[in-house]
C-alpha atoms as a PDB file:
ATOM      1  CA  MET A   1      42.627-127.845 -34.644  1.00  0.00           C
ATOM      2  CA  ALA A   2      41.215-131.330 -34.832  1.00  0.00           C
ATOM      3  CA  LEU A   3      37.665-132.674 -35.156  1.00  0.00           C
ATOM      4  CA  ASP A   4      36.165-135.989 -34.082  1.00  0.00           C
ATOM      5  CA  VAL A   5      33.007-136.027 -36.159  1.00  0.00           C
ATOM      6  CA  GLY A   6      30.122-138.094 -34.954  1.00  0.00           C
ATOM      7  CA  GLU A   7      26.454-138.309 -35.953  1.00  0.00           C
ATOM      8  CA  GLN A   8      25.354-136.516 -32.737  1.00  0.00           C
ATOM      9  CA  ARG A   9      28.363-134.589 -31.533  1.00  0.00           C
ATOM     10  CA  ILE A  10      31.649-133.209 -32.859  1.00  0.00           C
ATOM     11  CA  GLY A  11      34.634-133.021 -30.571  1.00  0.00           C
ATOM     12  CA  VAL A  12      37.023-130.162 -31.064  1.00  0.00           C
ATOM     13  CA  ALA A  13      40.699-129.909 -29.848  1.00  0.00           C
ATOM     14  CA  LEU A  14      43.407-127.343 -30.281  1.00  0.00           C
ATOM     15  CA  SER A  15      47.151-127.435 -30.168  1.00  0.00           C
ATOM     16  CA  ASP A  16      49.338-124.873 -28.449  1.00  0.00           C
ATOM     17  CA  PRO A  17      51.132-122.396 -30.730  1.00  0.00           C
ATOM     18  CA  THR A  18      54.285-124.475 -30.814  1.00  0.00           C
ATOM     19  CA  ARG A  19      52.225-127.472 -32.149  1.00  0.00           C
ATOM     20  CA  THR A  20      53.453-129.690 -29.267  1.00  0.00           C
ATOM     21  CA  LEU A  21      50.459-130.291 -27.031  1.00  0.00           C
ATOM     22  CA  ALA A  22      46.838-130.949 -27.939  1.00  0.00           C
ATOM     23  CA  THR A  23      44.013-130.084 -25.545  1.00  0.00           C
ATOM     24  CA  PRO A  24      40.292-130.661 -25.689  1.00  0.00           C
ATOM     25  CA  LEU A  25      38.400-127.491 -26.530  1.00  0.00           C
ATOM     26  CA  THR A  26      34.684-128.128 -26.799  1.00  0.00           C
ATOM     27  CA  THR A  27      31.958-130.439 -28.051  1.00  0.00           C
ATOM     28  CA  ILE A  28      29.332-129.141 -30.494  1.00  0.00           C
ATOM     29  CA  ARG A  29      26.066-130.613 -31.700  1.00  0.00           C
ATOM     30  CA  ALA A  30      26.304-132.199 -35.096  1.00  0.00           C
ATOM     31  CA  LYS A  31      22.740-131.154 -35.987  1.00  0.00           C
ATOM     32  CA  PRO A  32      21.494-129.034 -37.475  1.00  0.00           C
ATOM     33  CA  ARG A  33      24.365-129.410 -39.952  1.00  0.00           C
ATOM     34  CA  ALA A  34      24.410-125.750 -41.083  1.00  0.00           C
ATOM     35  CA  THR A  35      24.779-124.615 -37.515  1.00  0.00           C
ATOM     36  CA  ALA A  36      27.659-127.077 -36.793  1.00  0.00           C
ATOM     37  CA  LEU A  37      29.480-125.938 -39.905  1.00  0.00           C
ATOM     38  CA  LYS A  38      29.114-122.286 -38.896  1.00  0.00           C
ATOM     39  CA  ARG A  39      30.313-123.044 -35.359  1.00  0.00           C
ATOM     40  CA  ILE A  40      33.394-124.758 -36.696  1.00  0.00           C
ATOM     41  CA  ALA A  41      34.148-121.946 -39.075  1.00  0.00           C
ATOM     42  CA  SER A  42      33.716-119.490 -36.128  1.00  0.00           C
ATOM     43  CA  LEU A  43      36.091-121.493 -33.949  1.00  0.00           C
ATOM     44  CA  ILE A  44      38.706-121.508 -36.726  1.00  0.00           C
ATOM     45  CA  ARG A  45      38.511-117.724 -37.034  1.00  0.00           C
ATOM     46  CA  GLU A  46      38.404-117.150 -33.266  1.00  0.00           C
ATOM     47  CA  HIS A  47      41.521-119.255 -32.604  1.00  0.00           C
ATOM     48  CA  ASP A  48      43.363-118.303 -35.755  1.00  0.00           C
ATOM     49  CA  VAL A  49      43.661-121.887 -36.803  1.00  0.00           C
ATOM     50  CA  ALA A  50      46.094-122.582 -39.686  1.00  0.00           C
ATOM     51  CA  ALA A  51      45.244-126.172 -40.457  1.00  0.00           C
ATOM     52  CA  LEU A  52      42.454-128.720 -39.630  1.00  0.00           C
ATOM     53  CA  VAL A  53      42.843-132.458 -38.820  1.00  0.00           C
ATOM     54  CA  VAL A  54      39.747-134.623 -39.125  1.00  0.00           C
ATOM     55  CA  GLY A  55      39.637-138.134 -37.683  1.00  0.00           C
ATOM     56  CA  LEU A  56      38.473-140.766 -40.228  1.00  0.00           C
ATOM     57  CA  PRO A  57      36.959-143.790 -38.573  1.00  0.00           C
ATOM     58  CA  LEU A  58      38.205-146.522 -40.877  1.00  0.00           C
ATOM     59  CA  THR A  59      37.147-150.101 -40.363  1.00  0.00           C
ATOM     60  CA  MET A  60      39.573-152.430 -38.468  1.00  0.00           C
ATOM     61  CA  SER A  61      40.715-153.726 -41.856  1.00  0.00           C
ATOM     62  CA  GLY A  62      41.485-150.129 -42.948  1.00  0.00           C
ATOM     63  CA  ASP A  63      38.590-149.712 -45.344  1.00  0.00           C
ATOM     64  CA  VAL A  64      36.236-146.772 -45.649  1.00  0.00           C
ATOM     65  CA  GLY A  65      33.053-148.022 -44.097  1.00  0.00           C
ATOM     66  CA  PRO A  66      29.668-146.340 -43.530  1.00  0.00           C
ATOM     67  CA  GLN A  67      30.854-144.191 -40.639  1.00  0.00           C
ATOM     68  CA  ALA A  68      33.921-142.947 -42.477  1.00  0.00           C
ATOM     69  CA  ALA A  69      31.766-142.223 -45.530  1.00  0.00           C
ATOM     70  CA  LEU A  70      29.565-139.992 -43.332  1.00  0.00           C
ATOM     71  CA  VAL A  71      32.614-138.108 -42.073  1.00  0.00           C
ATOM     72  CA  GLN A  72      33.843-137.636 -45.658  1.00  0.00           C
ATOM     73  CA  GLN A  73      30.446-136.206 -46.595  1.00  0.00           C
ATOM     74  CA  PHE A  74      30.546-133.857 -43.681  1.00  0.00           C
ATOM     75  CA  VAL A  75      34.035-132.684 -44.648  1.00  0.00           C
ATOM     76  CA  GLU A  76      32.950-132.025 -48.206  1.00  0.00           C
ATOM     77  CA  GLU A  77      30.288-129.575 -46.797  1.00  0.00           C
ATOM     78  CA  LEU A  78      32.821-128.106 -44.388  1.00  0.00           C
ATOM     79  CA  ARG A  79      35.325-127.385 -47.200  1.00  0.00           C
ATOM     80  CA  ARG A  80      32.713-125.001 -48.657  1.00  0.00           C
ATOM     81  CA  VAL A  81      32.815-122.751 -45.520  1.00  0.00           C
ATOM     82  CA  ILE A  82      36.503-122.866 -44.556  1.00  0.00           C
ATOM     83  CA  ALA A  83      39.640-121.999 -46.491  1.00  0.00           C
ATOM     84  CA  ILE A  84      42.417-123.721 -44.531  1.00  0.00           C
ATOM     85  CA  PRO A  85      44.254-126.925 -45.251  1.00  0.00           C
ATOM     86  CA  LEU A  86      42.435-130.097 -44.092  1.00  0.00           C
ATOM     87  CA  THR A  87      43.971-133.463 -43.478  1.00  0.00           C
ATOM     88  CA  PHE A  88      42.268-136.810 -42.650  1.00  0.00           C
ATOM     89  CA  VAL A  89      43.946-139.027 -40.088  1.00  0.00           C
ATOM     90  CA  ASP A  90      43.044-142.660 -39.169  1.00  0.00           C
ATOM     91  CA  GLU A  91      41.218-142.427 -35.912  1.00  0.00           C
ATOM     92  CA  ARG A  92      40.636-146.150 -35.166  1.00  0.00           C
ATOM     93  CA  LEU A  93      40.287-146.786 -31.462  1.00  0.00           C
ATOM     94  CA  THR A  94      40.651-143.204 -30.339  1.00  0.00           C
ATOM     95  CA  THR A  95      37.290-143.136 -28.618  1.00  0.00           C
ATOM     96  CA  VAL A  96      38.237-146.298 -26.747  1.00  0.00           C
ATOM     97  CA  ALA A  97      41.479-144.664 -25.754  1.00  0.00           C
ATOM     98  CA  ALA A  98      39.658-141.509 -24.674  1.00  0.00           C
ATOM     99  CA  GLU A  99      37.209-143.514 -22.565  1.00  0.00           C
ATOM    100  CA  ARG A 100      40.062-145.461 -20.861  1.00  0.00           C
ATOM    101  CA  MET A 101      41.928-142.188 -20.204  1.00  0.00           C
ATOM    102  CA  MET A 102      38.928-140.594 -18.461  1.00  0.00           C
ATOM    103  CA  ILE A 103      38.201-143.722 -16.414  1.00  0.00           C
ATOM    104  CA  ASP A 104      41.889-143.600 -15.316  1.00  0.00           C
ATOM    105  CA  LEU A 105      41.276-139.955 -14.327  1.00  0.00           C
ATOM    106  CA  LYS A 106      38.327-141.189 -12.212  1.00  0.00           C
ATOM    107  CA  LEU A 107      35.777-139.043 -14.111  1.00  0.00           C
ATOM    108  CA  LYS A 108      32.135-140.001 -13.435  1.00  0.00           C
ATOM    109  CA  PRO A 109      30.149-141.595 -16.315  1.00  0.00           C
ATOM    110  CA  GLU A 110      28.161-138.450 -16.959  1.00  0.00           C
ATOM    111  CA  GLN A 111      31.360-136.393 -17.086  1.00  0.00           C
ATOM    112  CA  ARG A 112      32.925-138.931 -19.516  1.00  0.00           C
ATOM    113  CA  LYS A 113      29.904-138.749 -21.806  1.00  0.00           C
ATOM    114  CA  ALA A 114      29.978-134.978 -21.894  1.00  0.00           C
ATOM    115  CA  ARG A 115      33.701-134.833 -22.792  1.00  0.00           C
ATOM    116  CA  ILE A 116      34.366-138.114 -24.708  1.00  0.00           C
ATOM    117  CA  ASP A 117      34.272-136.458 -28.162  1.00  0.00           C
ATOM    118  CA  GLU A 118      36.616-133.558 -27.351  1.00  0.00           C
ATOM    119  CA  VAL A 119      39.065-135.856 -25.633  1.00  0.00           C
ATOM    120  CA  ALA A 120      38.998-138.182 -28.649  1.00  0.00           C
ATOM    121  CA  ALA A 121      39.668-135.129 -30.862  1.00  0.00           C
ATOM    122  CA  SER A 122      42.664-134.207 -28.635  1.00  0.00           C
ATOM    123  CA  ILE A 123      44.066-137.752 -29.040  1.00  0.00           C
ATOM    124  CA  ILE A 124      43.654-137.509 -32.823  1.00  0.00           C
ATOM    125  CA  LEU A 125      45.464-134.166 -32.814  1.00  0.00           C
ATOM    126  CA  GLN A 126      48.220-135.288 -30.451  1.00  0.00           C
ATOM    127  CA  ASP A 127      48.837-138.386 -32.555  1.00  0.00           C
ATOM    128  CA  PHE A 128      49.091-136.161 -35.645  1.00  0.00           C
ATOM    129  CA  LEU A 129      51.410-133.637 -33.971  1.00  0.00           C
ATOM    130  CA  ASP A 130      53.637-136.399 -32.635  1.00  0.00           C
ATOM    131  CA  ALA A 131      53.886-138.101 -36.075  1.00  0.00           C
ATOM    132  CA  HIS A 132      54.808-134.909 -37.838  1.00  0.00           C
ATOM    133  CA  ARG A 133      57.386-133.893 -35.196  1.00  0.00           C
ATOM    134  CA  GLN A 134      59.006-137.322 -35.650  1.00  0.00           C
ATOM    135  CA  ALA A 135      58.943-137.112 -39.399  1.00  0.00           C
ATOM    136  CA  SER A 136      60.466-133.619 -39.452  1.00  0.00           C
ATOM    137  CA  GLY A 137      62.918-134.194 -36.640  1.00  0.00           C
END
């Protein structure tokens, strides 16, 4: 499972059992924080998730900026309610890629806004799956 954590919304994506294909799952509200954490923990149990990938929005120079620091703080809270391995991955430009993909699919602006976070999460997860398949193959 992958998360694209934002201040307002959190995109969630899942891979198939063979860890080949990532698909958008849902978008949840980031606030109130306790509710968001419980929802993520519930999704992990419901889908029997073995590991979690979280996008880390580094600056273009690769540094941890204010947004990445917020994601790290969220993950520290999340670690208290889940017991599965968690990995950060660089998610620079995934939201831009998600927006471009949905424009190419001719989705209306309101449809894009509703799904942008979960599509970004699926891009984060697909990149992670592809990188690990290449490294092990």
